[in-house]
N, C-alpha and C. Protein backbone atom coordinates (compact mmCIF):
# COMPACT_ATOMS: atom_id res chain seq x y z
N MET A 1 0.85 -1.18 0.00
CA MET A 1 0.00 0.00 0.00
C MET A 1 0.90 1.24 0.00
N ALA A 2 0.48 2.25 -0.73
CA ALA A 2 1.26 3.48 -0.82
C ALA A 2 1.31 4.19 0.53
N GLU A 3 2.47 4.75 0.79
CA GLU A 3 2.64 5.48 2.04
C GLU A 3 2.19 6.92 1.84
N ARG A 4 1.46 7.45 2.79
CA ARG A 4 0.99 8.83 2.71
C ARG A 4 2.12 9.76 3.12
N TYR A 5 2.36 10.81 2.30
CA TYR A 5 3.41 11.77 2.62
C TYR A 5 2.81 13.17 2.65
N SER A 6 3.20 13.93 3.64
CA SER A 6 2.79 15.32 3.73
C SER A 6 3.94 16.11 4.34
N SER A 7 4.17 17.30 3.80
CA SER A 7 5.21 18.16 4.36
C SER A 7 4.78 18.76 5.69
N PHE A 8 3.49 18.68 5.98
CA PHE A 8 2.99 19.15 7.27
C PHE A 8 3.25 18.08 8.32
N THR A 9 3.77 18.49 9.46
CA THR A 9 3.90 17.59 10.59
C THR A 9 2.55 17.57 11.29
N PRO A 10 1.88 16.41 11.34
CA PRO A 10 0.57 16.38 12.01
C PRO A 10 0.67 16.94 13.43
N GLY A 11 -0.18 17.89 13.72
CA GLY A 11 -0.16 18.51 15.03
C GLY A 11 0.84 19.65 15.13
N GLY A 12 1.64 19.90 14.06
CA GLY A 12 2.61 20.98 14.06
C GLY A 12 1.96 22.33 13.85
N THR A 13 2.73 23.39 13.99
CA THR A 13 2.21 24.75 13.86
C THR A 13 1.67 25.02 12.47
N GLY A 14 2.43 24.65 11.42
CA GLY A 14 1.98 24.87 10.05
C GLY A 14 0.69 24.13 9.76
N TRP A 15 0.62 22.90 10.20
CA TRP A 15 -0.57 22.07 10.02
C TRP A 15 -1.77 22.73 10.72
N PHE A 16 -1.55 23.16 11.96
CA PHE A 16 -2.61 23.79 12.75
C PHE A 16 -3.09 25.09 12.12
N LEU A 17 -2.15 25.96 11.72
CA LEU A 17 -2.52 27.25 11.14
C LEU A 17 -3.23 27.09 9.81
N GLN A 18 -2.86 26.08 9.03
CA GLN A 18 -3.54 25.85 7.76
C GLN A 18 -5.01 25.51 7.99
N ARG A 19 -5.28 24.74 9.01
CA ARG A 19 -6.66 24.35 9.32
C ARG A 19 -7.45 25.49 9.96
N VAL A 20 -6.82 26.24 10.85
CA VAL A 20 -7.50 27.37 11.48
C VAL A 20 -7.84 28.44 10.44
N THR A 21 -6.88 28.74 9.55
CA THR A 21 -7.15 29.74 8.52
C THR A 21 -8.24 29.26 7.56
N ALA A 22 -8.27 27.96 7.27
CA ALA A 22 -9.32 27.42 6.39
C ALA A 22 -10.69 27.61 7.03
N ALA A 23 -10.80 27.30 8.30
CA ALA A 23 -12.09 27.46 9.00
C ALA A 23 -12.50 28.93 9.02
N PHE A 24 -11.58 29.82 9.31
CA PHE A 24 -11.87 31.25 9.33
C PHE A 24 -12.31 31.73 7.95
N LEU A 25 -11.61 31.27 6.92
CA LEU A 25 -11.93 31.70 5.56
C LEU A 25 -13.32 31.24 5.13
N VAL A 26 -13.71 30.05 5.53
CA VAL A 26 -15.05 29.56 5.19
C VAL A 26 -16.11 30.48 5.79
N VAL A 27 -15.93 30.85 7.05
CA VAL A 27 -16.91 31.71 7.73
C VAL A 27 -16.93 33.11 7.11
N VAL A 28 -15.77 33.71 6.91
CA VAL A 28 -15.72 35.08 6.39
C VAL A 28 -16.14 35.11 4.92
N LEU A 29 -15.82 34.07 4.17
CA LEU A 29 -16.26 34.03 2.78
C LEU A 29 -17.78 33.92 2.70
N ALA A 30 -18.37 33.16 3.60
CA ALA A 30 -19.84 33.07 3.65
C ALA A 30 -20.43 34.44 3.97
N PHE A 31 -19.84 35.16 4.93
CA PHE A 31 -20.28 36.52 5.27
C PHE A 31 -20.16 37.43 4.04
N HIS A 32 -19.04 37.35 3.36
CA HIS A 32 -18.79 38.17 2.18
C HIS A 32 -19.84 37.90 1.10
N PHE A 33 -20.07 36.63 0.79
CA PHE A 33 -21.06 36.29 -0.23
C PHE A 33 -22.46 36.73 0.19
N PHE A 34 -22.80 36.50 1.44
CA PHE A 34 -24.13 36.90 1.91
C PHE A 34 -24.32 38.40 1.77
N LEU A 35 -23.33 39.18 2.24
CA LEU A 35 -23.45 40.63 2.22
C LEU A 35 -23.41 41.20 0.81
N LEU A 36 -22.48 40.71 -0.01
CA LEU A 36 -22.29 41.34 -1.32
C LEU A 36 -23.02 40.65 -2.47
N HIS A 37 -23.72 39.56 -2.20
CA HIS A 37 -24.44 38.90 -3.28
C HIS A 37 -25.91 38.68 -2.96
N PHE A 38 -26.29 38.77 -1.69
CA PHE A 38 -27.68 38.58 -1.32
C PHE A 38 -28.28 39.84 -0.71
N VAL A 39 -27.58 40.47 0.24
CA VAL A 39 -28.06 41.72 0.83
C VAL A 39 -27.94 42.83 -0.21
N ASN A 40 -26.74 42.98 -0.77
CA ASN A 40 -26.49 43.91 -1.88
C ASN A 40 -26.18 43.05 -3.09
N HIS A 41 -26.95 43.16 -4.13
CA HIS A 41 -26.70 42.37 -5.32
C HIS A 41 -25.49 42.94 -6.06
N ALA A 42 -24.81 42.12 -6.82
CA ALA A 42 -23.56 42.53 -7.47
C ALA A 42 -23.71 43.83 -8.26
N TYR A 43 -24.81 44.00 -8.95
CA TYR A 43 -24.98 45.22 -9.74
C TYR A 43 -25.19 46.46 -8.87
N GLU A 44 -25.50 46.26 -7.58
CA GLU A 44 -25.70 47.39 -6.66
C GLU A 44 -24.41 47.81 -5.96
N VAL A 45 -23.36 47.00 -6.03
CA VAL A 45 -22.10 47.32 -5.35
C VAL A 45 -21.43 48.45 -6.12
N SER A 46 -21.12 49.51 -5.38
CA SER A 46 -20.51 50.68 -6.01
C SER A 46 -19.29 51.12 -5.20
N PHE A 47 -18.53 52.00 -5.80
CA PHE A 47 -17.35 52.56 -5.13
C PHE A 47 -17.76 53.27 -3.84
N MET A 48 -18.80 54.05 -3.90
CA MET A 48 -19.26 54.80 -2.72
C MET A 48 -19.77 53.84 -1.64
N GLY A 49 -20.45 52.79 -2.05
CA GLY A 49 -20.93 51.79 -1.09
C GLY A 49 -19.78 51.07 -0.40
N THR A 50 -18.75 50.78 -1.19
CA THR A 50 -17.56 50.13 -0.62
C THR A 50 -16.89 51.06 0.38
N GLN A 51 -16.78 52.33 0.03
CA GLN A 51 -16.20 53.30 0.97
C GLN A 51 -17.02 53.36 2.25
N ALA A 52 -18.32 53.36 2.12
CA ALA A 52 -19.19 53.43 3.30
C ALA A 52 -19.01 52.19 4.18
N ARG A 53 -18.94 51.02 3.57
CA ARG A 53 -18.73 49.80 4.36
C ARG A 53 -17.37 49.81 5.04
N MET A 54 -16.34 50.28 4.34
CA MET A 54 -14.99 50.28 4.90
C MET A 54 -14.83 51.31 6.03
N GLU A 55 -15.70 52.28 6.11
CA GLU A 55 -15.65 53.25 7.20
C GLU A 55 -16.11 52.64 8.52
N ASN A 56 -16.83 51.52 8.46
CA ASN A 56 -17.24 50.80 9.66
C ASN A 56 -16.03 50.00 10.15
N ILE A 57 -15.55 50.29 11.36
CA ILE A 57 -14.32 49.68 11.85
C ILE A 57 -14.40 48.16 11.94
N GLY A 58 -15.56 47.63 12.28
CA GLY A 58 -15.72 46.18 12.34
C GLY A 58 -15.57 45.54 10.98
N TYR A 59 -16.21 46.14 9.97
CA TYR A 59 -16.11 45.63 8.61
C TYR A 59 -14.67 45.76 8.11
N PHE A 60 -14.07 46.92 8.36
CA PHE A 60 -12.68 47.17 7.94
C PHE A 60 -11.74 46.12 8.53
N LEU A 61 -11.82 45.89 9.84
CA LEU A 61 -10.95 44.91 10.47
C LEU A 61 -11.20 43.50 9.96
N THR A 62 -12.46 43.17 9.72
CA THR A 62 -12.80 41.84 9.18
C THR A 62 -12.17 41.65 7.81
N MET A 63 -12.26 42.67 6.96
CA MET A 63 -11.71 42.55 5.60
C MET A 63 -10.18 42.49 5.61
N VAL A 64 -9.55 43.26 6.48
CA VAL A 64 -8.09 43.20 6.55
C VAL A 64 -7.64 41.84 7.09
N LEU A 65 -8.33 41.34 8.10
CA LEU A 65 -8.01 40.01 8.62
C LEU A 65 -8.28 38.94 7.57
N PHE A 66 -9.33 39.11 6.79
CA PHE A 66 -9.64 38.22 5.68
C PHE A 66 -8.48 38.20 4.69
N LEU A 67 -7.97 39.36 4.35
CA LEU A 67 -6.84 39.49 3.43
C LEU A 67 -5.60 38.78 3.96
N VAL A 68 -5.23 39.07 5.21
CA VAL A 68 -4.03 38.47 5.81
C VAL A 68 -4.17 36.95 5.90
N THR A 69 -5.33 36.50 6.32
CA THR A 69 -5.57 35.07 6.48
C THR A 69 -5.53 34.36 5.13
N ALA A 70 -6.17 34.95 4.12
CA ALA A 70 -6.19 34.33 2.79
C ALA A 70 -4.80 34.29 2.19
N ALA A 71 -4.03 35.36 2.37
CA ALA A 71 -2.67 35.38 1.84
C ALA A 71 -1.81 34.31 2.51
N PHE A 72 -1.89 34.22 3.83
CA PHE A 72 -1.12 33.19 4.53
C PHE A 72 -1.54 31.79 4.09
N HIS A 73 -2.84 31.56 4.05
CA HIS A 73 -3.36 30.24 3.71
C HIS A 73 -2.93 29.84 2.29
N GLY A 74 -3.02 30.78 1.37
CA GLY A 74 -2.63 30.50 -0.01
C GLY A 74 -1.14 30.25 -0.17
N VAL A 75 -0.33 31.11 0.39
CA VAL A 75 1.13 30.96 0.29
C VAL A 75 1.58 29.69 0.98
N ASN A 76 1.07 29.44 2.17
CA ASN A 76 1.45 28.23 2.91
C ASN A 76 1.01 26.97 2.16
N GLY A 77 -0.17 27.00 1.58
CA GLY A 77 -0.67 25.85 0.84
C GLY A 77 0.14 25.58 -0.42
N VAL A 78 0.45 26.62 -1.19
CA VAL A 78 1.25 26.45 -2.41
C VAL A 78 2.65 25.94 -2.05
N TYR A 79 3.26 26.53 -1.03
CA TYR A 79 4.60 26.11 -0.62
C TYR A 79 4.61 24.63 -0.22
N ASN A 80 3.68 24.24 0.61
CA ASN A 80 3.65 22.85 1.06
C ASN A 80 3.28 21.88 -0.06
N ALA A 81 2.46 22.31 -1.01
CA ALA A 81 2.17 21.47 -2.17
C ALA A 81 3.44 21.23 -2.98
N LEU A 82 4.24 22.27 -3.15
CA LEU A 82 5.49 22.12 -3.89
C LEU A 82 6.48 21.24 -3.14
N VAL A 83 6.55 21.40 -1.83
CA VAL A 83 7.42 20.54 -1.02
C VAL A 83 6.96 19.09 -1.12
N ASN A 84 5.66 18.87 -1.12
CA ASN A 84 5.13 17.52 -1.26
C ASN A 84 5.49 16.91 -2.61
N GLN A 85 5.70 17.74 -3.62
CA GLN A 85 6.06 17.25 -4.95
C GLN A 85 7.56 17.01 -5.08
N GLY A 86 8.30 17.27 -4.01
CA GLY A 86 9.73 16.96 -4.03
C GLY A 86 10.67 18.15 -4.06
N LEU A 87 10.16 19.34 -3.91
CA LEU A 87 11.00 20.53 -3.90
C LEU A 87 11.93 20.47 -2.69
N GLU A 88 13.21 20.70 -2.92
CA GLU A 88 14.16 20.67 -1.80
C GLU A 88 15.40 21.50 -2.12
N GLY A 89 16.23 21.66 -1.12
CA GLY A 89 17.50 22.37 -1.29
C GLY A 89 17.33 23.85 -1.58
N THR A 90 18.19 24.35 -2.49
CA THR A 90 18.20 25.76 -2.84
C THR A 90 16.88 26.19 -3.47
N GLN A 91 16.31 25.32 -4.32
CA GLN A 91 15.03 25.66 -4.95
C GLN A 91 13.94 25.89 -3.90
N LYS A 92 13.95 25.08 -2.86
CA LYS A 92 12.96 25.22 -1.79
C LYS A 92 13.11 26.58 -1.10
N LYS A 93 14.35 26.99 -0.85
CA LYS A 93 14.59 28.28 -0.20
C LYS A 93 14.18 29.44 -1.10
N VAL A 94 14.49 29.33 -2.39
CA VAL A 94 14.13 30.39 -3.34
C VAL A 94 12.61 30.51 -3.45
N VAL A 95 11.93 29.38 -3.58
CA VAL A 95 10.47 29.40 -3.68
C VAL A 95 9.85 29.99 -2.42
N LEU A 96 10.37 29.61 -1.26
CA LEU A 96 9.87 30.17 0.00
C LEU A 96 10.06 31.68 0.02
N ALA A 97 11.23 32.16 -0.41
CA ALA A 97 11.50 33.60 -0.42
C ALA A 97 10.56 34.33 -1.39
N VAL A 98 10.39 33.79 -2.58
CA VAL A 98 9.53 34.43 -3.58
C VAL A 98 8.08 34.46 -3.10
N LEU A 99 7.60 33.34 -2.57
CA LEU A 99 6.22 33.29 -2.07
C LEU A 99 6.03 34.23 -0.88
N THR A 100 7.01 34.31 -0.01
CA THR A 100 6.92 35.21 1.15
C THR A 100 6.87 36.67 0.69
N ILE A 101 7.74 37.03 -0.24
CA ILE A 101 7.75 38.40 -0.76
C ILE A 101 6.42 38.72 -1.45
N ALA A 102 5.91 37.77 -2.24
CA ALA A 102 4.63 37.98 -2.93
C ALA A 102 3.50 38.12 -1.91
N GLY A 103 3.50 37.30 -0.88
CA GLY A 103 2.46 37.37 0.15
C GLY A 103 2.50 38.68 0.91
N VAL A 104 3.70 39.11 1.30
CA VAL A 104 3.84 40.37 2.02
C VAL A 104 3.43 41.54 1.13
N GLY A 105 3.82 41.48 -0.15
CA GLY A 105 3.43 42.53 -1.10
C GLY A 105 1.92 42.60 -1.27
N LEU A 106 1.29 41.44 -1.38
CA LEU A 106 -0.17 41.39 -1.51
C LEU A 106 -0.85 41.99 -0.29
N VAL A 107 -0.39 41.62 0.89
CA VAL A 107 -0.99 42.15 2.13
C VAL A 107 -0.74 43.65 2.24
N ALA A 108 0.46 44.11 1.88
CA ALA A 108 0.76 45.54 1.95
C ALA A 108 -0.13 46.33 1.00
N GLN A 109 -0.26 45.86 -0.24
CA GLN A 109 -1.10 46.57 -1.22
C GLN A 109 -2.56 46.53 -0.81
N GLY A 110 -3.03 45.38 -0.36
CA GLY A 110 -4.43 45.25 0.07
C GLY A 110 -4.74 46.12 1.27
N THR A 111 -3.81 46.19 2.21
CA THR A 111 -4.00 47.03 3.39
C THR A 111 -4.03 48.50 3.00
N TYR A 112 -3.15 48.88 2.07
CA TYR A 112 -3.14 50.26 1.58
C TYR A 112 -4.48 50.62 0.94
N VAL A 113 -5.00 49.72 0.11
CA VAL A 113 -6.30 49.96 -0.53
C VAL A 113 -7.40 50.06 0.53
N ALA A 114 -7.38 49.16 1.51
CA ALA A 114 -8.39 49.19 2.57
C ALA A 114 -8.32 50.49 3.37
N LEU A 115 -7.11 50.92 3.70
CA LEU A 115 -6.95 52.19 4.44
C LEU A 115 -7.44 53.37 3.61
N THR A 116 -7.14 53.35 2.32
CA THR A 116 -7.58 54.42 1.42
C THR A 116 -9.10 54.43 1.31
N MET A 117 -9.69 53.24 1.12
CA MET A 117 -11.14 53.14 0.98
C MET A 117 -11.87 53.56 2.26
N SER A 118 -11.21 53.34 3.40
CA SER A 118 -11.85 53.69 4.67
C SER A 118 -11.69 55.17 5.01
N GLY A 119 -10.83 55.86 4.26
CA GLY A 119 -10.59 57.27 4.52
C GLY A 119 -9.56 57.52 5.60
N MET A 120 -8.87 56.47 6.05
CA MET A 120 -7.87 56.64 7.09
C MET A 120 -6.59 57.26 6.56
N ILE A 121 -6.34 57.16 5.26
CA ILE A 121 -5.20 57.86 4.64
C ILE A 121 -5.63 58.53 3.37
């Protein structure tokens, strides 16, 4: 029988954070879809409406946390998928660095947009 391999150590920090972020993303994504597709239909979403929602500190913090969580979950998942496929050595370090820089850049740009939309800057 084939042996199961995972770069995640069961019960380890990476394994735990991947599952916690997945659970959080499911809940916040459901909130997002409910609010922006059922309460406000897609054709009703406007720039001014987005600014108004982002001015609410609870909504703002939820969206920024959504961004950070999604970026971590995505980068961590892609990295571990590549490690599971046999990535190792220098290539593993380079991929980790590139993914980390991309994730930090995404969070920085998204946070900047959120701050701008909320009127904080």
